[in-house]
Protein backbone atom coordinates (compact mmCIF):
# COMPACT_ATOMS: atom_id res chain seq x y z
CA MET A 1 0.09 -0.05 -0.02
CA THR A 2 1.36 3.33 -0.63
CA GLU A 3 1.03 6.66 1.10
CA ILE A 4 -1.71 7.95 -1.28
CA GLU A 5 -3.65 4.87 -0.91
CA PHE A 6 -3.56 4.99 2.80
CA PHE A 7 -4.71 8.53 2.96
CA LYS A 8 -7.38 7.77 0.42
CA ILE A 9 -8.58 5.29 2.83
CA TRP A 10 -8.35 7.40 5.85
CA ASP A 11 -10.07 10.47 4.12
CA SER A 12 -13.05 8.12 2.70
CA THR A 13 -13.58 6.55 6.16
CA PHE A 14 -13.75 9.74 8.10
CA ARG A 15 -16.32 11.04 5.36
CA ASN A 16 -18.33 7.83 5.34
CA SER A 17 -18.40 7.81 9.32
CA LYS A 18 -19.31 11.43 9.66
CA ASN A 19 -22.21 10.99 7.30
CA LYS A 20 -23.47 7.50 8.11
CA SER A 21 -26.75 7.08 9.89
CA ARG A 22 -26.63 6.89 13.70
CA LYS A 23 -29.49 5.99 16.33
CA CYS A 24 -30.58 8.85 18.82
CA LEU A 25 -28.55 9.13 21.69
CA VAL A 26 -31.42 8.75 24.18
CA ASP A 27 -31.25 5.28 25.68
CA GLY A 28 -33.83 2.67 24.49
CA CYS A 29 -34.56 5.12 21.42
CA GLU A 30 -34.24 3.22 18.10
CA LYS A 31 -35.07 6.10 15.80
CA THR A 32 -32.59 8.03 13.26
CA ALA A 33 -30.71 11.01 14.75
CA ILE A 34 -31.10 14.15 12.68
CA LYS A 35 -28.38 16.84 12.29
CA SER A 36 -28.34 18.73 15.64
CA HIS A 37 -26.65 21.93 16.47
CA ALA A 38 -24.60 21.95 19.64
CA LEU A 39 -25.38 25.62 20.18
CA GLN A 40 -28.64 27.32 19.03
CA LYS A 41 -28.48 28.29 15.32
CA ASN A 42 -30.84 31.14 15.31
CA GLY A 43 -30.16 32.73 18.69
CA ILE A 44 -26.52 32.30 18.91
CA LEU A 45 -24.73 31.48 15.83
CA LYS A 46 -26.77 33.35 13.24
CA GLN A 47 -26.32 36.58 15.41
CA ILE A 48 -22.44 36.53 14.65
CA SER A 49 -22.34 34.90 11.15
CA GLU A 50 -22.19 36.94 8.08
CA LYS A 51 -23.75 35.90 4.97
CA ASN A 52 -24.58 32.61 7.10
CA HIS A 53 -21.13 31.83 7.49
CA LEU A 54 -18.67 31.39 10.42
CA PHE A 55 -15.04 30.27 11.01
CA GLN A 56 -14.52 26.96 12.50
CA PHE A 57 -11.38 25.45 13.80
CA SER A 58 -10.80 22.10 12.34
CA ASN A 59 -8.52 19.40 11.03
CA VAL A 60 -7.12 19.80 7.55
CA PRO A 61 -7.82 17.05 5.20
CA PRO A 62 -4.90 14.55 4.89
CA PHE A 63 -4.26 15.34 1.09
CA GLN A 64 -3.85 19.10 1.99
CA ARG A 65 -1.88 18.82 5.12
CA ALA A 66 1.32 19.01 3.26
CA LYS A 67 0.22 22.54 1.91
CA LYS A 68 -1.74 24.02 4.80
CA GLY A 69 -0.59 21.87 7.97
CA ASN A 70 -2.75 19.89 10.30
CA PHE A 71 -5.19 22.69 11.45
CA GLU A 72 -7.00 25.67 10.11
CA LEU A 73 -9.69 28.09 10.63
CA SER A 74 -11.94 27.12 7.84
CA ARG A 75 -15.12 29.10 6.36
CA ILE A 76 -18.32 27.08 7.01
CA GLY A 77 -21.85 27.37 6.36
CA ILE A 78 -24.07 28.09 9.45
CA ASN A 79 -25.97 25.03 8.56
CA ASP A 80 -22.88 22.89 9.43
CA VAL A 81 -21.34 24.87 12.19
CA TYR A 82 -21.51 22.84 15.62
CA THR A 83 -23.52 20.08 14.08
CA PHE A 84 -23.81 16.19 14.96
CA PRO A 85 -26.13 13.40 14.47
CA GLY A 86 -27.27 13.27 18.07
CA PHE A 87 -31.11 12.84 18.71
CA CYS A 88 -34.21 11.87 16.66
CA LYS A 89 -36.41 14.68 15.72
CA ASN A 90 -38.75 14.26 18.71
CA HIS A 91 -36.12 14.19 21.33
CA ASP A 92 -34.19 17.01 19.78
CA SER A 93 -37.13 19.12 20.02
CA THR A 94 -38.63 18.03 23.27
CA ILE A 95 -35.42 18.07 25.64
CA PHE A 96 -33.71 20.95 24.16
CA LYS A 97 -37.09 23.31 24.07
CA PRO A 98 -36.01 25.37 26.82
CA ILE A 99 -32.70 26.55 25.09
CA GLU A 100 -34.09 26.73 21.43
CA ALA A 101 -36.62 29.41 22.22
CA ASN A 102 -36.08 32.98 20.96
CA GLN A 103 -35.61 34.11 24.45
CA PHE A 104 -34.36 31.52 26.83
CA GLU A 105 -33.46 31.91 30.46
CA ILE A 106 -29.79 32.36 30.17
CA GLY A 107 -28.42 31.80 33.90
CA SER A 108 -30.65 28.90 34.82
CA ASP A 109 -29.46 25.70 36.06
CA LYS A 110 -31.56 23.78 33.50
CA SER A 111 -30.56 25.99 30.70
CA ILE A 112 -26.72 25.46 31.59
CA THR A 113 -27.48 21.53 31.92
CA LEU A 114 -28.83 21.11 28.49
CA PHE A 115 -26.20 23.20 26.95
CA SER A 116 -23.63 21.35 28.97
CA TYR A 117 -25.63 17.88 27.94
CA ARG A 118 -25.70 18.79 24.14
CA ALA A 119 -22.14 19.51 24.14
CA LEU A 120 -20.93 16.16 25.87
CA CYS A 121 -23.27 14.45 23.51
CA GLN A 122 -21.60 16.10 20.54
CA GLU A 123 -18.20 14.80 22.03
CA ILE A 124 -19.42 11.07 22.04
CA ARG A 125 -20.31 11.43 18.40
CA ARG A 126 -17.08 12.96 17.32
CA LYS A 127 -15.33 10.23 19.57
CA GLU A 128 -17.26 7.46 17.78
CA ILE A 129 -16.38 8.88 14.44
CA ALA A 130 -12.55 8.94 15.26
CA LEU A 131 -13.01 5.35 16.35
CA ASP A 132 -14.07 4.17 13.07
CA VAL A 133 -11.29 5.74 11.51
CA ALA A 134 -8.62 4.41 14.10
CA GLN A 135 -10.15 0.84 13.38
CA LYS A 136 -10.07 1.11 9.65
CA MET A 137 -6.37 2.35 9.75
CA ILE A 138 -5.44 -0.47 12.13
CA GLU A 139 -6.95 -2.87 9.49
CA THR A 140 -4.78 -1.61 6.74
CA GLY A 141 -1.47 -2.62 8.16
CA TYR A 142 0.19 0.00 6.63
CA ASN A 143 3.18 0.24 9.02
CA ILE A 144 4.09 -1.16 12.34
CA PRO A 145 4.87 2.29 14.16
CA LEU A 146 1.31 3.73 12.52
CA ILE A 147 -0.39 0.68 13.84
CA ILE A 148 0.94 0.98 17.33
CA TYR A 149 -0.03 4.63 17.30
CA MET A 150 -3.66 3.94 16.13
CA THR A 151 -3.95 1.05 18.52
CA ASP A 152 -2.89 3.38 21.37
CA PHE A 153 -5.26 6.02 20.08
CA LYS A 154 -8.20 3.62 19.78
CA THR A 155 -7.59 2.49 23.42
CA GLY A 156 -7.82 6.23 24.34
CA LEU A 157 -10.96 6.91 22.41
CA LEU A 158 -12.66 3.52 23.89
CA ASN A 159 -11.90 4.82 27.35
CA GLY A 160 -12.88 8.47 26.73
CA LEU A 161 -16.39 7.10 25.40
CA LYS A 162 -16.53 5.29 28.58
CA ASN A 163 -16.01 8.27 30.66
CA LEU A 164 -18.47 10.39 28.48
CA PHE A 165 -21.19 7.98 28.64
CA PHE A 166 -20.71 7.76 32.48
CA PHE A 167 -21.28 11.68 32.77
CA LYS A 168 -24.16 11.39 30.11
CA LYS A 169 -26.14 9.14 32.47
CA GLU A 170 -25.52 11.56 35.53
CA LEU A 171 -26.51 14.78 33.36
CA GLU A 172 -29.59 12.73 32.16
CA ALA A 173 -30.48 12.04 36.05
CA ASP A 174 -30.36 16.04 36.56
CA ILE A 175 -32.30 16.86 33.55
CA LYS A 176 -35.18 14.16 34.36
CA ASP A 177 -35.18 14.38 38.22
CA SER A 178 -32.91 17.50 39.21
CA GLU A 179 -31.00 15.31 41.37
CA GLY A 180 -28.38 17.98 41.79
CA LYS A 181 -25.37 15.76 40.94
CA PHE A 182 -23.65 19.21 39.27
CA VAL A 183 -22.56 22.43 40.11
CA HIS A 184 -23.52 25.00 37.44
CA LYS A 185 -21.87 28.62 37.26
CA ILE A 186 -22.23 31.29 34.95
CA CYS A 187 -20.47 35.04 34.40
CA GLU A 188 -20.88 37.43 32.09
CA ILE A 189 -18.28 39.40 30.18
CA PRO A 190 -17.81 41.88 27.21
CA LYS A 191 -19.23 40.44 24.29
CA ILE A 192 -16.67 38.67 22.00
CA GLU A 193 -17.89 36.71 18.81
CA ILE A 194 -16.53 33.60 19.52
CA CYS A 195 -18.17 30.12 20.67
CA ILE A 196 -16.75 27.19 22.27
CA SER A 197 -18.91 24.31 23.62
CA ALA A 198 -17.30 20.99 24.81
CA PRO A 199 -16.33 18.89 27.71
CA LEU A 200 -12.81 19.01 29.18
CA ASN A 201 -10.40 16.74 31.09
CA ILE A 202 -7.57 18.26 33.03
CA TYR A 203 -5.04 16.19 34.82
CA ASP A 204 -4.78 18.47 38.18
CA GLU A 205 -3.23 16.87 41.09
CA ASN A 206 -5.22 18.97 43.30
CA ASN A 207 -8.51 17.55 42.19
CA GLN A 208 -10.31 16.06 45.09
CA LEU A 209 -11.58 12.82 43.73
CA SER A 210 -14.23 10.53 45.49
CA LYS A 211 -12.12 7.86 47.20
CA THR A 212 -10.25 5.80 44.67
CA HIS A 213 -9.51 2.89 47.00
CA ASP A 214 -11.86 0.60 48.88
CA ASN A 215 -11.11 -0.49 52.40
CA ASN A 216 -8.77 -3.25 51.20
CA GLY A 217 -6.84 -0.93 49.39
CA LYS A 218 -7.94 -2.06 45.87
CA VAL A 219 -7.91 0.54 43.47
CA LEU A 220 -11.53 1.52 42.27
CA ASN A 221 -12.44 2.15 38.78
CA THR A 222 -13.31 6.05 39.27
CA PRO A 223 -14.22 8.25 36.12
CA LEU A 224 -11.72 10.74 34.93
CA VAL A 225 -12.60 14.42 36.16
CA THR A 226 -14.70 15.84 33.39
CA SER A 227 -16.08 19.46 33.37
CA ILE A 228 -18.09 21.13 30.56
CA VAL A 229 -17.54 24.59 29.37
CA ASN A 230 -19.80 26.80 27.06
CA LEU A 231 -18.69 30.31 26.05
CA PHE A 232 -20.80 32.33 23.73
CA PRO A 233 -22.38 35.78 22.79
CA TYR A 234 -26.10 36.32 23.67
CA GLY A 235 -27.43 39.75 23.06
CA ASP A 236 -24.85 42.37 24.13
CA LYS A 237 -22.80 40.23 26.55
CA SER A 238 -20.68 36.92 26.23
CA TYR A 239 -21.43 34.46 29.01
CA LEU A 240 -19.09 31.59 30.23
CA MET A 241 -20.94 28.45 31.59
CA VAL A 242 -19.15 25.62 33.34
CA THR A 243 -20.58 22.51 34.68
CA LEU A 244 -18.72 20.35 37.32
CA SER A 245 -19.64 17.12 38.94
CA LYS A 246 -20.15 17.38 42.80
CA ASP A 247 -18.42 13.78 42.98
CA PHE A 248 -15.49 14.42 40.62
CA PRO A 249 -14.87 18.39 40.63
CA CYS A 250 -12.33 19.73 38.56
CA ASN A 251 -10.12 22.32 40.45
CA TRP A 252 -8.77 23.58 37.19
CA THR A 253 -12.22 24.58 35.83
CA GLU A 254 -13.10 26.12 39.24
CA ASN A 255 -10.21 28.42 39.21
CA LEU A 256 -10.69 29.18 35.52
CA PHE A 257 -14.31 30.36 36.20
CA THR A 258 -13.03 32.39 39.33
CA GLU A 259 -10.40 34.30 37.09
CA PHE A 260 -12.99 34.95 34.26
CA ASN A 261 -15.54 36.13 37.11
CA ASN A 262 -12.89 38.28 38.79
CA ILE A 263 -10.76 40.11 35.98
CA LYS A 264 -11.80 43.04 33.76
CA SER A 265 -11.63 43.58 30.09
CA PRO A 266 -9.53 43.16 28.01
CA ASN A 267 -7.68 40.87 30.42
CA HIS A 268 -10.45 38.01 29.61
CA LEU A 269 -9.16 38.05 26.11
CA LYS A 270 -5.82 36.43 27.12
CA LEU A 271 -7.88 33.57 29.09
CA ILE A 272 -9.78 33.07 25.95
CA SER A 273 -6.69 32.96 23.66
CA ASP A 274 -5.40 30.43 26.17
CA LEU A 275 -8.38 28.20 25.80
CA ILE A 276 -8.44 28.07 22.05
CA ALA A 277 -4.57 27.87 21.80
CA THR A 278 -4.07 24.88 24.25
CA ARG A 279 -7.48 23.29 25.61
CA PHE A 280 -10.02 23.39 23.18
CA GLU A 281 -10.17 21.99 19.39
CA PHE A 282 -13.96 22.84 18.59
CA TRP A 283 -14.79 26.44 18.50
CA CYS A 284 -15.78 28.80 16.03
CA ILE A 285 -15.71 32.62 15.47
CA SER A 286 -17.45 35.41 13.58
CA PRO A 287 -15.97 36.43 10.25
CA LYS A 288 -15.77 40.00 11.68
CA LEU A 289 -13.32 38.71 14.42
CA LYS A 290 -11.39 36.41 12.21
CA ASN A 291 -10.83 39.34 10.15
CA THR A 292 -8.99 41.08 12.84
CA LEU A 293 -6.66 38.19 13.40
CA THR A 294 -3.41 38.55 11.65
CA LYS A 295 -2.07 35.59 9.46
CA ASN A 296 1.14 35.37 12.00
CA LYS A 297 -1.25 35.31 15.01
CA ILE A 298 -3.38 32.51 13.47
CA ALA A 299 -0.14 30.63 12.77
CA GLY A 300 0.97 31.20 15.98
CA MET A 301 -2.19 29.72 17.66
CA ILE A 302 -2.24 26.86 15.56
CA LYS A 303 1.55 26.15 16.31
CA ILE A 304 1.01 26.11 20.08
CA TRP A 305 -2.13 24.00 19.50
CA SER A 306 -0.08 21.41 17.52
CA GLU A 307 2.35 21.15 20.25
CA GLU A 308 -0.19 20.90 23.42
CA VAL A 309 -2.89 19.05 21.80
CA LEU A 310 -1.94 15.87 23.85
CA ASN A 311 -1.05 17.74 26.79
CA PHE A 312 -4.08 17.69 29.50
CA ASP A 313 -1.62 19.02 32.56
CA SER A 314 -3.38 21.53 34.72
CA ILE A 315 -0.24 24.00 34.30
CA ILE A 316 0.38 25.17 30.55
CA GLU A 317 2.10 28.67 30.63
CA THR A 318 2.18 30.76 27.48
CA ASP A 319 2.87 34.66 26.80
CA PHE A 320 0.93 34.38 23.54
CA ASN A 321 -2.43 36.24 22.89
CA VAL A 322 -3.96 35.74 19.57
CA PHE A 323 -5.97 39.10 20.12
CA GLU A 324 -3.11 41.23 20.62
């Protein structure tokens, strides 16, 4: 097999997995999932779009990487921004009705829970797509180092999915019965036309997990600490929302929220720059904001991201600010 043939398989597998029919993510529902928006199309995304387009941070297709690199800010139609095959038509409309209204209650626990739930479900689908690609690449037997890498990658995806499904059930319990398994926080900052919506894993030695050993010293199978972050403009402000498990709280995310809540503009721009350069792969910005970023700044951000993409440590320091 040649390298060109290998990348053709990679590209076709990704496209086929992304477009294939999937079942609704609600347990027990056998209906086909429709294309869902992780963030409200008409009330959030449309207000910062131009000619119904935004720019989304994304992976470059394999055949274009020699010229463009591995990542880019690509122009994308609003109908395809933050979309994933998540829920059937009925569940998509009924579950998320409170945050799909033209005027929803921005700061309520219910709203934050639903934004967080949809962000987490979107990540589940993204990992399922990546899992299909990893499995197909392993089957090619292209070369030993790549097979070893893809095998490790597949293991990581399976562990990640197991973790996401654990917190999915926890969030569903909150949505259904308001069990109070999570802490939801929100603060407003000056408006910036950027959207982030995704779960986050941070390896922080200061995290106070539930007990990890039983009385006999046996290690328990505890979930990886997972928090969920949403940042988007709404009206004349932007809002940061964080969701943290009460049983598995994330110290890093707590500190992030405290920083956002306490600092004044324009210092929040540095925090956002750090988030998109070192923590979050899936985000979008308005064409207006994108046009304020120089090519060198975009290249610098992508360079940092490429270096830190597999770094989940709590401390990543950089003096870079894409917005300066």
